[in-house]
Amino acid sequence: MAIHRILHEMGEPYKEVFSLRVFGELSFRQIGDIFGKTESWA
């Protein structure tokens, strides 16, 4: 619950990248593709 509260207040792209990785279980490559960025950026 504490982490969800922090996430709720967190700015983008951090909030979405974190959620995609932890909750969506996407790879860094997939996250980079979603944002049009590199795997390293993710």
PDB file of all heavy atoms in Angstrom:
ATOM      1  N   MET A   1       0.832  -1.208   0.000  1.00  0.00           N
ATOM      2  CA  MET A   1       0.000   0.000   0.000  1.00  0.00           C
ATOM      3  C   MET A   1       0.867   1.259   0.000  1.00  0.00           C
ATOM      4  O   MET A   1       0.556   2.221  -0.702  1.00  0.00           O
ATOM      5  CB  MET A   1      -0.940  -0.006   1.213  1.00  0.00           C
ATOM      6  CG  MET A   1      -2.103  -0.968   1.061  1.00  0.00           C
ATOM      7  SD  MET A   1      -3.063  -0.722  -0.466  1.00  0.00           S
ATOM      8  CE  MET A   1      -3.694   0.928  -0.208  1.00  0.00           C
ATOM      9  N   ALA A   2       1.946   1.244   0.760  1.00  0.00           N
ATOM     10  CA  ALA A   2       2.844   2.400   0.783  1.00  0.00           C
ATOM     11  C   ALA A   2       3.459   2.625  -0.595  1.00  0.00           C
ATOM     12  O   ALA A   2       3.543   3.762  -1.077  1.00  0.00           O
ATOM     13  CB  ALA A   2       3.936   2.205   1.831  1.00  0.00           C
ATOM     14  N   ILE A   3       3.851   1.546  -1.251  1.00  0.00           N
ATOM     15  CA  ILE A   3       4.443   1.660  -2.584  1.00  0.00           C
ATOM     16  C   ILE A   3       3.405   2.171  -3.578  1.00  0.00           C
ATOM     17  O   ILE A   3       3.704   3.038  -4.411  1.00  0.00           O
ATOM     18  CB  ILE A   3       5.051   0.320  -3.039  1.00  0.00           C
ATOM     19  CG1 ILE A   3       6.297   0.010  -2.204  1.00  0.00           C
ATOM     20  CG2 ILE A   3       5.396   0.340  -4.526  1.00  0.00           C
ATOM     21  CD1 ILE A   3       6.865  -1.383  -2.392  1.00  0.00           C
ATOM     22  N   HIS A   4       2.175   1.682  -3.484  1.00  0.00           N
ATOM     23  CA  HIS A   4       1.126   2.162  -4.388  1.00  0.00           C
ATOM     24  C   HIS A   4       0.835   3.649  -4.170  1.00  0.00           C
ATOM     25  O   HIS A   4       0.603   4.382  -5.136  1.00  0.00           O
ATOM     26  CB  HIS A   4      -0.150   1.340  -4.224  1.00  0.00           C
ATOM     27  CG  HIS A   4      -0.087   0.015  -4.905  1.00  0.00           C
ATOM     28  ND1 HIS A   4       0.025  -0.141  -6.265  1.00  0.00           N
ATOM     29  CD2 HIS A   4      -0.117  -1.241  -4.401  1.00  0.00           C
ATOM     30  CE1 HIS A   4       0.056  -1.418  -6.577  1.00  0.00           C
ATOM     31  NE2 HIS A   4      -0.015  -2.114  -5.456  1.00  0.00           N
ATOM     32  N   ARG A   5       0.858   4.085  -2.922  1.00  0.00           N
ATOM     33  CA  ARG A   5       0.648   5.520  -2.646  1.00  0.00           C
ATOM     34  C   ARG A   5       1.777   6.354  -3.256  1.00  0.00           C
ATOM     35  O   ARG A   5       1.532   7.416  -3.833  1.00  0.00           O
ATOM     36  CB  ARG A   5       0.562   5.759  -1.145  1.00  0.00           C
ATOM     37  CG  ARG A   5      -0.753   5.348  -0.559  1.00  0.00           C
ATOM     38  CD  ARG A   5      -0.867   5.787   0.909  1.00  0.00           C
ATOM     39  NE  ARG A   5      -1.977   5.095   1.522  1.00  0.00           N
ATOM     40  CZ  ARG A   5      -1.869   4.033   2.319  1.00  0.00           C
ATOM     41  NH1 ARG A   5      -0.678   3.570   2.648  1.00  0.00           N
ATOM     42  NH2 ARG A   5      -2.933   3.443   2.804  1.00  0.00           N
ATOM     43  N   ILE A   6       2.996   5.874  -3.106  1.00  0.00           N
ATOM     44  CA  ILE A   6       4.146   6.583  -3.683  1.00  0.00           C
ATOM     45  C   ILE A   6       4.025   6.607  -5.203  1.00  0.00           C
ATOM     46  O   ILE A   6       4.236   7.646  -5.842  1.00  0.00           O
ATOM     47  CB  ILE A   6       5.477   5.922  -3.245  1.00  0.00           C
ATOM     48  CG1 ILE A   6       5.678   6.098  -1.738  1.00  0.00           C
ATOM     49  CG2 ILE A   6       6.651   6.479  -4.032  1.00  0.00           C
ATOM     50  CD1 ILE A   6       6.763   5.222  -1.149  1.00  0.00           C
ATOM     51  N   LEU A   7       3.673   5.471  -5.785  1.00  0.00           N
ATOM     52  CA  LEU A   7       3.497   5.400  -7.243  1.00  0.00           C
ATOM     53  C   LEU A   7       2.424   6.366  -7.722  1.00  0.00           C
ATOM     54  O   LEU A   7       2.559   6.981  -8.781  1.00  0.00           O
ATOM     55  CB  LEU A   7       3.111   3.982  -7.671  1.00  0.00           C
ATOM     56  CG  LEU A   7       4.220   3.038  -8.027  1.00  0.00           C
ATOM     57  CD1 LEU A   7       3.664   1.660  -8.315  1.00  0.00           C
ATOM     58  CD2 LEU A   7       5.031   3.535  -9.198  1.00  0.00           C
ATOM     59  N   HIS A   8       1.341   6.485  -6.966  1.00  0.00           N
ATOM     60  CA  HIS A   8       0.241   7.363  -7.337  1.00  0.00           C
ATOM     61  C   HIS A   8       0.715   8.807  -7.484  1.00  0.00           C
ATOM     62  O   HIS A   8       0.255   9.539  -8.364  1.00  0.00           O
ATOM     63  CB  HIS A   8      -0.880   7.265  -6.294  1.00  0.00           C
ATOM     64  CG  HIS A   8      -2.052   8.128  -6.593  1.00  0.00           C
ATOM     65  ND1 HIS A   8      -2.918   7.861  -7.633  1.00  0.00           N
ATOM     66  CD2 HIS A   8      -2.505   9.256  -5.991  1.00  0.00           C
ATOM     67  CE1 HIS A   8      -3.851   8.795  -7.664  1.00  0.00           C
ATOM     68  NE2 HIS A   8      -3.628   9.646  -6.676  1.00  0.00           N
ATOM     69  N   GLU A   9       1.645   9.210  -6.621  1.00  0.00           N
ATOM     70  CA  GLU A   9       2.167  10.571  -6.636  1.00  0.00           C
ATOM     71  C   GLU A   9       3.369  10.750  -7.578  1.00  0.00           C
ATOM     72  O   GLU A   9       3.752  11.875  -7.872  1.00  0.00           O
ATOM     73  CB  GLU A   9       2.576  10.993  -5.223  1.00  0.00           C
ATOM     74  CG  GLU A   9       1.441  10.964  -4.215  1.00  0.00           C
ATOM     75  CD  GLU A   9       0.352  11.974  -4.538  1.00  0.00           C
ATOM     76  OE1 GLU A   9       0.680  13.081  -5.019  1.00  0.00           O
ATOM     77  OE2 GLU A   9      -0.826  11.640  -4.321  1.00  0.00           O
ATOM     78  N   MET A  10       3.957   9.651  -8.010  1.00  0.00           N
ATOM     79  CA  MET A  10       5.174   9.705  -8.822  1.00  0.00           C
ATOM     80  C   MET A  10       4.890  10.250 -10.224  1.00  0.00           C
ATOM     81  O   MET A  10       3.851   9.977 -10.809  1.00  0.00           O
ATOM     82  CB  MET A  10       5.794   8.307  -8.922  1.00  0.00           C
ATOM     83  CG  MET A  10       7.158   8.297  -9.588  1.00  0.00           C
ATOM     84  SD  MET A  10       7.858   6.639  -9.599  1.00  0.00           S
ATOM     85  CE  MET A  10       8.427   6.529  -7.923  1.00  0.00           C
ATOM     86  N   GLY A  11       5.828  11.003 -10.739  1.00  0.00           N
ATOM     87  CA  GLY A  11       5.686  11.571 -12.078  1.00  0.00           C
ATOM     88  C   GLY A  11       6.036  10.563 -13.162  1.00  0.00           C
ATOM     89  O   GLY A  11       6.626   9.516 -12.914  1.00  0.00           O
ATOM     90  N   GLU A  12       5.652  10.920 -14.349  1.00  0.00           N
ATOM     91  CA  GLU A  12       5.970  10.088 -15.514  1.00  0.00           C
ATOM     92  C   GLU A  12       7.364  10.459 -15.999  1.00  0.00           C
ATOM     93  O   GLU A  12       7.812  11.577 -15.776  1.00  0.00           O
ATOM     94  CB  GLU A  12       4.937  10.313 -16.622  1.00  0.00           C
ATOM     95  CG  GLU A  12       3.534   9.872 -16.257  1.00  0.00           C
ATOM     96  CD  GLU A  12       3.380   8.382 -15.985  1.00  0.00           C
ATOM     97  OE1 GLU A  12       4.305   7.604 -16.308  1.00  0.00           O
ATOM     98  OE2 GLU A  12       2.360   7.996 -15.432  1.00  0.00           O
ATOM     99  N   PRO A  13       8.080   9.601 -16.653  1.00  0.00           N
ATOM    100  CA  PRO A  13       7.716   8.257 -17.085  1.00  0.00           C
ATOM    101  C   PRO A  13       7.982   7.196 -16.019  1.00  0.00           C
ATOM    102  O   PRO A  13       7.735   6.027 -16.231  1.00  0.00           O
ATOM    103  CB  PRO A  13       8.615   8.015 -18.285  1.00  0.00           C
ATOM    104  CG  PRO A  13       9.874   8.746 -17.940  1.00  0.00           C
ATOM    105  CD  PRO A  13       9.408   9.977 -17.185  1.00  0.00           C
ATOM    106  N   TYR A  14       8.484   7.641 -14.845  1.00  0.00           N
ATOM    107  CA  TYR A  14       8.874   6.689 -13.809  1.00  0.00           C
ATOM    108  C   TYR A  14       7.711   5.796 -13.388  1.00  0.00           C
ATOM    109  O   TYR A  14       7.870   4.580 -13.246  1.00  0.00           O
ATOM    110  CB  TYR A  14       9.450   7.414 -12.593  1.00  0.00           C
ATOM    111  CG  TYR A  14      10.635   8.283 -12.943  1.00  0.00           C
ATOM    112  CD1 TYR A  14      10.526   9.665 -12.962  1.00  0.00           C
ATOM    113  CD2 TYR A  14      11.843   7.704 -13.293  1.00  0.00           C
ATOM    114  CE1 TYR A  14      11.604  10.450 -13.302  1.00  0.00           C
ATOM    115  CE2 TYR A  14      12.928   8.491 -13.632  1.00  0.00           C
ATOM    116  CZ  TYR A  14      12.802   9.863 -13.647  1.00  0.00           C
ATOM    117  OH  TYR A  14      13.869  10.625 -13.998  1.00  0.00           O
ATOM    118  N   LYS A  15       6.575   6.405 -13.165  1.00  0.00           N
ATOM    119  CA  LYS A  15       5.389   5.667 -12.708  1.00  0.00           C
ATOM    120  C   LYS A  15       5.019   4.562 -13.698  1.00  0.00           C
ATOM    121  O   LYS A  15       4.821   3.415 -13.320  1.00  0.00           O
ATOM    122  CB  LYS A  15       4.232   6.648 -12.537  1.00  0.00           C
ATOM    123  CG  LYS A  15       2.931   6.038 -12.136  1.00  0.00           C
ATOM    124  CD  LYS A  15       1.893   7.156 -12.029  1.00  0.00           C
ATOM    125  CE  LYS A  15       0.561   6.661 -11.569  1.00  0.00           C
ATOM    126  NZ  LYS A  15      -0.376   7.784 -11.362  1.00  0.00           N
ATOM    127  N   GLU A  16       4.938   4.914 -14.972  1.00  0.00           N
ATOM    128  CA  GLU A  16       4.509   3.932 -15.967  1.00  0.00           C
ATOM    129  C   GLU A  16       5.569   2.864 -16.201  1.00  0.00           C
ATOM    130  O   GLU A  16       5.258   1.676 -16.302  1.00  0.00           O
ATOM    131  CB  GLU A  16       4.145   4.609 -17.287  1.00  0.00           C
ATOM    132  CG  GLU A  16       3.533   3.641 -18.274  1.00  0.00           C
ATOM    133  CD  GLU A  16       2.962   4.302 -19.495  1.00  0.00           C
ATOM    134  OE1 GLU A  16       3.021   5.544 -19.612  1.00  0.00           O
ATOM    135  OE2 GLU A  16       2.464   3.560 -20.365  1.00  0.00           O
ATOM    136  N   VAL A  17       6.831   3.256 -16.276  1.00  0.00           N
ATOM    137  CA  VAL A  17       7.906   2.280 -16.494  1.00  0.00           C
ATOM    138  C   VAL A  17       7.951   1.288 -15.342  1.00  0.00           C
ATOM    139  O   VAL A  17       8.035   0.074 -15.554  1.00  0.00           O
ATOM    140  CB  VAL A  17       9.277   2.985 -16.688  1.00  0.00           C
ATOM    141  CG1 VAL A  17      10.420   1.980 -16.629  1.00  0.00           C
ATOM    142  CG2 VAL A  17       9.301   3.742 -18.008  1.00  0.00           C
ATOM    143  N   PHE A  18       7.867   1.791 -14.115  1.00  0.00           N
ATOM    144  CA  PHE A  18       7.879   0.899 -12.956  1.00  0.00           C
ATOM    145  C   PHE A  18       6.695  -0.057 -13.004  1.00  0.00           C
ATOM    146  O   PHE A  18       6.844  -1.260 -12.802  1.00  0.00           O
ATOM    147  CB  PHE A  18       7.848   1.712 -11.655  1.00  0.00           C
ATOM    148  CG  PHE A  18       7.923   0.851 -10.429  1.00  0.00           C
ATOM    149  CD1 PHE A  18       9.142   0.457  -9.913  1.00  0.00           C
ATOM    150  CD2 PHE A  18       6.768   0.416  -9.789  1.00  0.00           C
ATOM    151  CE1 PHE A  18       9.221  -0.350  -8.784  1.00  0.00           C
ATOM    152  CE2 PHE A  18       6.823  -0.393  -8.664  1.00  0.00           C
ATOM    153  CZ  PHE A  18       8.058  -0.772  -8.159  1.00  0.00           C
ATOM    154  N   SER A  19       5.516   0.458 -13.284  1.00  0.00           N
ATOM    155  CA  SER A  19       4.304  -0.373 -13.331  1.00  0.00           C
ATOM    156  C   SER A  19       4.381  -1.412 -14.438  1.00  0.00           C
ATOM    157  O   SER A  19       3.996  -2.573 -14.235  1.00  0.00           O
ATOM    158  CB  SER A  19       3.071   0.508 -13.533  1.00  0.00           C
ATOM    159  OG  SER A  19       2.893   1.355 -12.423  1.00  0.00           O
ATOM    160  N   LEU A  20       4.868  -1.023 -15.599  1.00  0.00           N
ATOM    161  CA  LEU A  20       4.981  -1.978 -16.702  1.00  0.00           C
ATOM    162  C   LEU A  20       5.957  -3.100 -16.361  1.00  0.00           C
ATOM    163  O   LEU A  20       5.727  -4.259 -16.707  1.00  0.00           O
ATOM    164  CB  LEU A  20       5.427  -1.264 -17.983  1.00  0.00           C
ATOM    165  CG  LEU A  20       4.396  -0.356 -18.637  1.00  0.00           C
ATOM    166  CD1 LEU A  20       5.043   0.441 -19.765  1.00  0.00           C
ATOM    167  CD2 LEU A  20       3.206  -1.149 -19.151  1.00  0.00           C
ATOM    168  N   ARG A  21       7.027  -2.745 -15.687  1.00  0.00           N
ATOM    169  CA  ARG A  21       8.047  -3.749 -15.355  1.00  0.00           C
ATOM    170  C   ARG A  21       7.577  -4.687 -14.234  1.00  0.00           C
ATOM    171  O   ARG A  21       7.660  -5.898 -14.354  1.00  0.00           O
ATOM    172  CB  ARG A  21       9.350  -3.047 -14.946  1.00  0.00           C
ATOM    173  CG  ARG A  21      10.458  -3.975 -14.555  1.00  0.00           C
ATOM    174  CD  ARG A  21      10.971  -4.762 -15.722  1.00  0.00           C
ATOM    175  NE  ARG A  21      12.039  -5.638 -15.273  1.00  0.00           N
ATOM    176  CZ  ARG A  21      12.528  -6.607 -15.961  1.00  0.00           C
ATOM    177  NH1 ARG A  21      12.082  -6.832 -17.166  1.00  0.00           N
ATOM    178  NH2 ARG A  21      13.481  -7.355 -15.489  1.00  0.00           N
ATOM    179  N   VAL A  22       7.080  -4.123 -13.141  1.00  0.00           N
ATOM    180  CA  VAL A  22       6.749  -4.918 -11.964  1.00  0.00           C
ATOM    181  C   VAL A  22       5.383  -5.587 -12.096  1.00  0.00           C
ATOM    182  O   VAL A  22       5.246  -6.775 -11.858  1.00  0.00           O
ATOM    183  CB  VAL A  22       6.806  -4.064 -10.679  1.00  0.00           C
ATOM    184  CG1 VAL A  22       6.314  -4.826  -9.478  1.00  0.00           C
ATOM    185  CG2 VAL A  22       8.238  -3.587 -10.441  1.00  0.00           C
ATOM    186  N   PHE A  23       4.379  -4.818 -12.485  1.00  0.00           N
ATOM    187  CA  PHE A  23       3.023  -5.367 -12.528  1.00  0.00           C
ATOM    188  C   PHE A  23       2.707  -5.987 -13.887  1.00  0.00           C
ATOM    189  O   PHE A  23       2.017  -6.992 -13.952  1.00  0.00           O
ATOM    190  CB  PHE A  23       1.994  -4.293 -12.175  1.00  0.00           C
ATOM    191  CG  PHE A  23       2.270  -3.643 -10.853  1.00  0.00           C
ATOM    192  CD1 PHE A  23       2.577  -2.300 -10.772  1.00  0.00           C
ATOM    193  CD2 PHE A  23       2.249  -4.383  -9.686  1.00  0.00           C
ATOM    194  CE1 PHE A  23       2.851  -1.702  -9.557  1.00  0.00           C
ATOM    195  CE2 PHE A  23       2.521  -3.792  -8.457  1.00  0.00           C
ATOM    196  CZ  PHE A  23       2.820  -2.449  -8.394  1.00  0.00           C
ATOM    197  N   GLY A  24       3.207  -5.372 -14.946  1.00  0.00           N
ATOM    198  CA  GLY A  24       2.966  -5.905 -16.285  1.00  0.00           C
ATOM    199  C   GLY A  24       3.964  -6.973 -16.679  1.00  0.00           C
ATOM    200  O   GLY A  24       3.781  -7.667 -17.677  1.00  0.00           O
ATOM    201  N   GLU A  25       5.056  -7.076 -15.904  1.00  0.00           N
ATOM    202  CA  GLU A  25       6.114  -8.060 -16.133  1.00  0.00           C
ATOM    203  C   GLU A  25       6.665  -8.000 -17.566  1.00  0.00           C
ATOM    204  O   GLU A  25       6.977  -9.017 -18.166  1.00  0.00           O
ATOM    205  CB  GLU A  25       5.639  -9.468 -15.789  1.00  0.00           C
ATOM    206  CG  GLU A  25       5.253  -9.615 -14.340  1.00  0.00           C
ATOM    207  CD  GLU A  25       4.816 -11.009 -13.943  1.00  0.00           C
ATOM    208  OE1 GLU A  25       4.651 -11.881 -14.829  1.00  0.00           O
ATOM    209  OE2 GLU A  25       4.641 -11.231 -12.733  1.00  0.00           O
ATOM    210  N   LEU A  26       6.776  -6.784 -18.090  1.00  0.00           N
ATOM    211  CA  LEU A  26       7.344  -6.624 -19.422  1.00  0.00           C
ATOM    212  C   LEU A  26       8.863  -6.541 -19.331  1.00  0.00           C
ATOM    213  O   LEU A  26       9.419  -6.102 -18.322  1.00  0.00           O
ATOM    214  CB  LEU A  26       6.816  -5.341 -20.075  1.00  0.00           C
ATOM    215  CG  LEU A  26       5.320  -5.277 -20.365  1.00  0.00           C
ATOM    216  CD1 LEU A  26       4.979  -3.954 -21.037  1.00  0.00           C
ATOM    217  CD2 LEU A  26       4.864  -6.431 -21.227  1.00  0.00           C
ATOM    218  N   SER A  27       9.519  -6.916 -20.403  1.00  0.00           N
ATOM    219  CA  SER A  27      10.975  -6.811 -20.452  1.00  0.00           C
ATOM    220  C   SER A  27      11.354  -5.342 -20.676  1.00  0.00           C
ATOM    221  O   SER A  27      10.531  -4.530 -21.115  1.00  0.00           O
ATOM    222  CB  SER A  27      11.524  -7.660 -21.597  1.00  0.00           C
ATOM    223  OG  SER A  27      11.165  -7.101 -22.844  1.00  0.00           O
ATOM    224  N   PHE A  28      12.607  -5.025 -20.387  1.00  0.00           N
ATOM    225  CA  PHE A  28      13.072  -3.661 -20.616  1.00  0.00           C
ATOM    226  C   PHE A  28      13.008  -3.320 -22.109  1.00  0.00           C
ATOM    227  O   PHE A  28      12.709  -2.188 -22.482  1.00  0.00           O
ATOM    228  CB  PHE A  28      14.502  -3.467 -20.085  1.00  0.00           C
ATOM    229  CG  PHE A  28      14.565  -3.476 -18.587  1.00  0.00           C
ATOM    230  CD1 PHE A  28      15.279  -4.452 -17.916  1.00  0.00           C
ATOM    231  CD2 PHE A  28      13.920  -2.519 -17.833  1.00  0.00           C
ATOM    232  CE1 PHE A  28      15.344  -4.468 -16.535  1.00  0.00           C
ATOM    233  CE2 PHE A  28      13.966  -2.518 -16.448  1.00  0.00           C
ATOM    234  CZ  PHE A  28      14.685  -3.505 -15.795  1.00  0.00           C
ATOM    235  N   ARG A  29      13.252  -4.304 -22.951  1.00  0.00           N
ATOM    236  CA  ARG A  29      13.167  -4.088 -24.396  1.00  0.00           C
ATOM    237  C   ARG A  29      11.738  -3.706 -24.787  1.00  0.00           C
ATOM    238  O   ARG A  29      11.520  -2.769 -25.553  1.00  0.00           O
ATOM    239  CB  ARG A  29      13.612  -5.333 -25.145  1.00  0.00           C
ATOM    240  CG  ARG A  29      13.628  -5.175 -26.651  1.00  0.00           C
ATOM    241  CD  ARG A  29      14.105  -6.443 -27.313  1.00  0.00           C
ATOM    242  NE  ARG A  29      13.348  -7.573 -26.784  1.00  0.00           N
ATOM    243  CZ  ARG A  29      12.641  -8.411 -27.510  1.00  0.00           C
ATOM    244  NH1 ARG A  29      12.630  -8.302 -28.795  1.00  0.00           N
ATOM    245  NH2 ARG A  29      11.971  -9.389 -26.949  1.00  0.00           N
ATOM    246  N   GLN A  30      10.755  -4.421 -24.248  1.00  0.00           N
ATOM    247  CA  GLN A  30       9.354  -4.138 -24.552  1.00  0.00           C
ATOM    248  C   GLN A  30       8.960  -2.754 -24.040  1.00  0.00           C
ATOM    249  O   GLN A  30       8.252  -2.016 -24.732  1.00  0.00           O
ATOM    250  CB  GLN A  30       8.446  -5.202 -23.929  1.00  0.00           C
ATOM    251  CG  GLN A  30       8.582  -6.567 -24.571  1.00  0.00           C
ATOM    252  CD  GLN A  30       7.877  -7.660 -23.767  1.00  0.00           C
ATOM    253  OE1 GLN A  30       7.965  -7.685 -22.540  1.00  0.00           O
ATOM    254  NE2 GLN A  30       7.189  -8.548 -24.465  1.00  0.00           N
ATOM    255  N   ILE A  31       9.412  -2.401 -22.850  1.00  0.00           N
ATOM    256  CA  ILE A  31       9.101  -1.083 -22.289  1.00  0.00           C
ATOM    257  C   ILE A  31       9.725   0.011 -23.160  1.00  0.00           C
ATOM    258  O   ILE A  31       9.076   1.015 -23.472  1.00  0.00           O
ATOM    259  CB  ILE A  31       9.580  -0.977 -20.828  1.00  0.00           C
ATOM    260  CG1 ILE A  31       8.781  -1.950 -19.946  1.00  0.00           C
ATOM    261  CG2 ILE A  31       9.452   0.452 -20.311  1.00  0.00           C
ATOM    262  CD1 ILE A  31       9.336  -2.132 -18.546  1.00  0.00           C
ATOM    263  N   GLY A  32      10.981  -0.193 -23.552  1.00  0.00           N
ATOM    264  CA  GLY A  32      11.633   0.769 -24.437  1.00  0.00           C
ATOM    265  C   GLY A  32      10.860   0.944 -25.736  1.00  0.00           C
ATOM    266  O   GLY A  32      10.686   2.072 -26.227  1.00  0.00           O
ATOM    267  N   ASP A  33      10.381  -0.150 -26.293  1.00  0.00           N
ATOM    268  CA  ASP A  33       9.605  -0.089 -27.538  1.00  0.00           C
ATOM    269  C   ASP A  33       8.325   0.718 -27.357  1.00  0.00           C
ATOM    270  O   ASP A  33       7.946   1.497 -28.230  1.00  0.00           O
ATOM    271  CB  ASP A  33       9.255  -1.497 -28.033  1.00  0.00           C
ATOM    272  CG  ASP A  33      10.454  -2.250 -28.585  1.00  0.00           C
ATOM    273  OD1 ASP A  33      11.505  -1.616 -28.841  1.00  0.00           O
ATOM    274  OD2 ASP A  33      10.349  -3.481 -28.751  1.00  0.00           O
ATOM    275  N   ILE A  34       7.642   0.530 -26.229  1.00  0.00           N
ATOM    276  CA  ILE A  34       6.406   1.267 -25.960  1.00  0.00           C
ATOM    277  C   ILE A  34       6.655   2.774 -25.962  1.00  0.00           C
ATOM    278  O   ILE A  34       5.877   3.544 -26.517  1.00  0.00           O
ATOM    279  CB  ILE A  34       5.782   0.820 -24.617  1.00  0.00           C
ATOM    280  CG1 ILE A  34       5.207  -0.591 -24.762  1.00  0.00           C
ATOM    281  CG2 ILE A  34       4.714   1.799 -24.145  1.00  0.00           C
ATOM    282  CD1 ILE A  34       4.754  -1.213 -23.454  1.00  0.00           C
ATOM    283  N   PHE A  35       7.766   3.184 -25.382  1.00  0.00           N
ATOM    284  CA  PHE A  35       8.084   4.606 -25.278  1.00  0.00           C
ATOM    285  C   PHE A  35       8.855   5.132 -26.499  1.00  0.00           C
ATOM    286  O   PHE A  35       9.150   6.317 -26.564  1.00  0.00           O
ATOM    287  CB  PHE A  35       8.898   4.884 -24.008  1.00  0.00           C
ATOM    288  CG  PHE A  35       8.075   4.913 -22.749  1.00  0.00           C
ATOM    289  CD1 PHE A  35       7.851   3.761 -22.020  1.00  0.00           C
ATOM    290  CD2 PHE A  35       7.518   6.095 -22.297  1.00  0.00           C
ATOM    291  CE1 PHE A  35       7.104   3.775 -20.857  1.00  0.00           C
ATOM    292  CE2 PHE A  35       6.763   6.129 -21.134  1.00  0.00           C
ATOM    293  CZ  PHE A  35       6.546   4.963 -20.414  1.00  0.00           C
ATOM    294  N   GLY A  36       9.225   4.227 -27.397  1.00  0.00           N
ATOM    295  CA  GLY A  36      10.036   4.643 -28.544  1.00  0.00           C
ATOM    296  C   GLY A  36      11.455   4.972 -28.129  1.00  0.00           C
ATOM    297  O   GLY A  36      12.109   5.808 -28.744  1.00  0.00           O
ATOM    298  N   LYS A  37      11.926   4.309 -27.078  1.00  0.00           N
ATOM    299  CA  LYS A  37      13.269   4.540 -26.536  1.00  0.00           C
ATOM    300  C   LYS A  37      14.041   3.226 -26.569  1.00  0.00           C
ATOM    301  O   LYS A  37      13.546   2.205 -27.013  1.00  0.00           O
ATOM    302  CB  LYS A  37      13.173   5.039 -25.083  1.00  0.00           C
ATOM    303  CG  LYS A  37      12.306   6.244 -24.865  1.00  0.00           C
ATOM    304  CD  LYS A  37      13.054   7.497 -25.148  1.00  0.00           C
ATOM    305  CE  LYS A  37      12.187   8.699 -24.743  1.00  0.00           C
ATOM    306  NZ  LYS A  37      12.856   9.942 -24.956  1.00  0.00           N
ATOM    307  N   THR A  38      15.257   3.272 -26.030  1.00  0.00           N
ATOM    308  CA  THR A  38      16.110   2.084 -26.020  1.00  0.00           C
ATOM    309  C   THR A  38      15.851   1.236 -24.773  1.00  0.00           C
ATOM    310  O   THR A  38      15.253   1.701 -23.798  1.00  0.00           O
ATOM    311  CB  THR A  38      17.596   2.471 -26.016  1.00  0.00           C
ATOM    312  OG1 THR A  38      17.888   3.157 -24.798  1.00  0.00           O
ATOM    313  CG2 THR A  38      17.955   3.337 -27.209  1.00  0.00           C
ATOM    314  N   GLU A  39      16.340   0.014 -24.825  1.00  0.00           N
ATOM    315  CA  GLU A  39      16.271  -0.884 -23.672  1.00  0.00           C
ATOM    316  C   GLU A  39      17.045  -0.275 -22.495  1.00  0.00           C
ATOM    317  O   GLU A  39      16.609  -0.345 -21.355  1.00  0.00           O
ATOM    318  CB  GLU A  39      16.857  -2.242 -24.049  1.00  0.00           C
ATOM    319  CG  GLU A  39      16.815  -3.264 -22.959  1.00  0.00           C
ATOM    320  CD  GLU A  39      17.359  -4.621 -23.400  1.00  0.00           C
ATOM    321  OE1 GLU A  39      17.402  -4.912 -24.606  1.00  0.00           O
ATOM    322  OE2 GLU A  39      17.741  -5.388 -22.507  1.00  0.00           O
ATOM    323  N   SER A  40      18.180   0.333 -22.781  1.00  0.00           N
ATOM    324  CA  SER A  40      18.992   0.970 -21.731  1.00  0.00           C
ATOM    325  C   SER A  40      18.223   2.094 -21.046  1.00  0.00           C
ATOM    326  O   SER A  40      18.293   2.248 -19.823  1.00  0.00           O
ATOM    327  CB  SER A  40      20.292   1.516 -22.310  1.00  0.00           C
ATOM    328  OG  SER A  40      21.081   0.472 -22.793  1.00  0.00           O
ATOM    329  N   TRP A  41      17.504   2.880 -21.840  1.00  0.00           N
ATOM    330  CA  TRP A  41      16.695   3.961 -21.272  1.00  0.00           C
ATOM    331  C   TRP A  41      15.679   3.381 -20.286  1.00  0.00           C
ATOM    332  O   TRP A  41      15.489   3.911 -19.191  1.00  0.00           O
ATOM    333  CB  TRP A  41      15.973   4.732 -22.383  1.00  0.00           C
ATOM    334  CG  TRP A  41      15.026   5.770 -21.848  1.00  0.00           C
ATOM    335  CD1 TRP A  41      15.303   7.051 -21.503  1.00  0.00           C
ATOM    336  CD2 TRP A  41      13.627   5.577 -21.546  1.00  0.00           C
ATOM    337  NE1 TRP A  41      14.173   7.676 -21.018  1.00  0.00           N
ATOM    338  CE2 TRP A  41      13.131   6.791 -21.040  1.00  0.00           C
ATOM    339  CE3 TRP A  41      12.753   4.506 -21.667  1.00  0.00           C
ATOM    340  CZ2 TRP A  41      11.801   6.961 -20.654  1.00  0.00           C
ATOM    341  CZ3 TRP A  41      11.423   4.672 -21.285  1.00  0.00           C
ATOM    342  CH2 TRP A  41      10.966   5.889 -20.784  1.00  0.00           C
ATOM    343  N   ALA A  42      15.035   2.281 -20.678  1.00  0.00           N
ATOM    344  CA  ALA A  42      14.035   1.644 -19.815  1.00  0.00           C
ATOM    345  C   ALA A  42      14.675   1.147 -18.522  1.00  0.00           C
ATOM    346  O   ALA A  42      14.111   1.304 -17.437  1.00  0.00           O
ATOM    347  CB  ALA A  42      13.347   0.500 -20.557  1.00  0.00           C
TER     348      ALA A  42
END
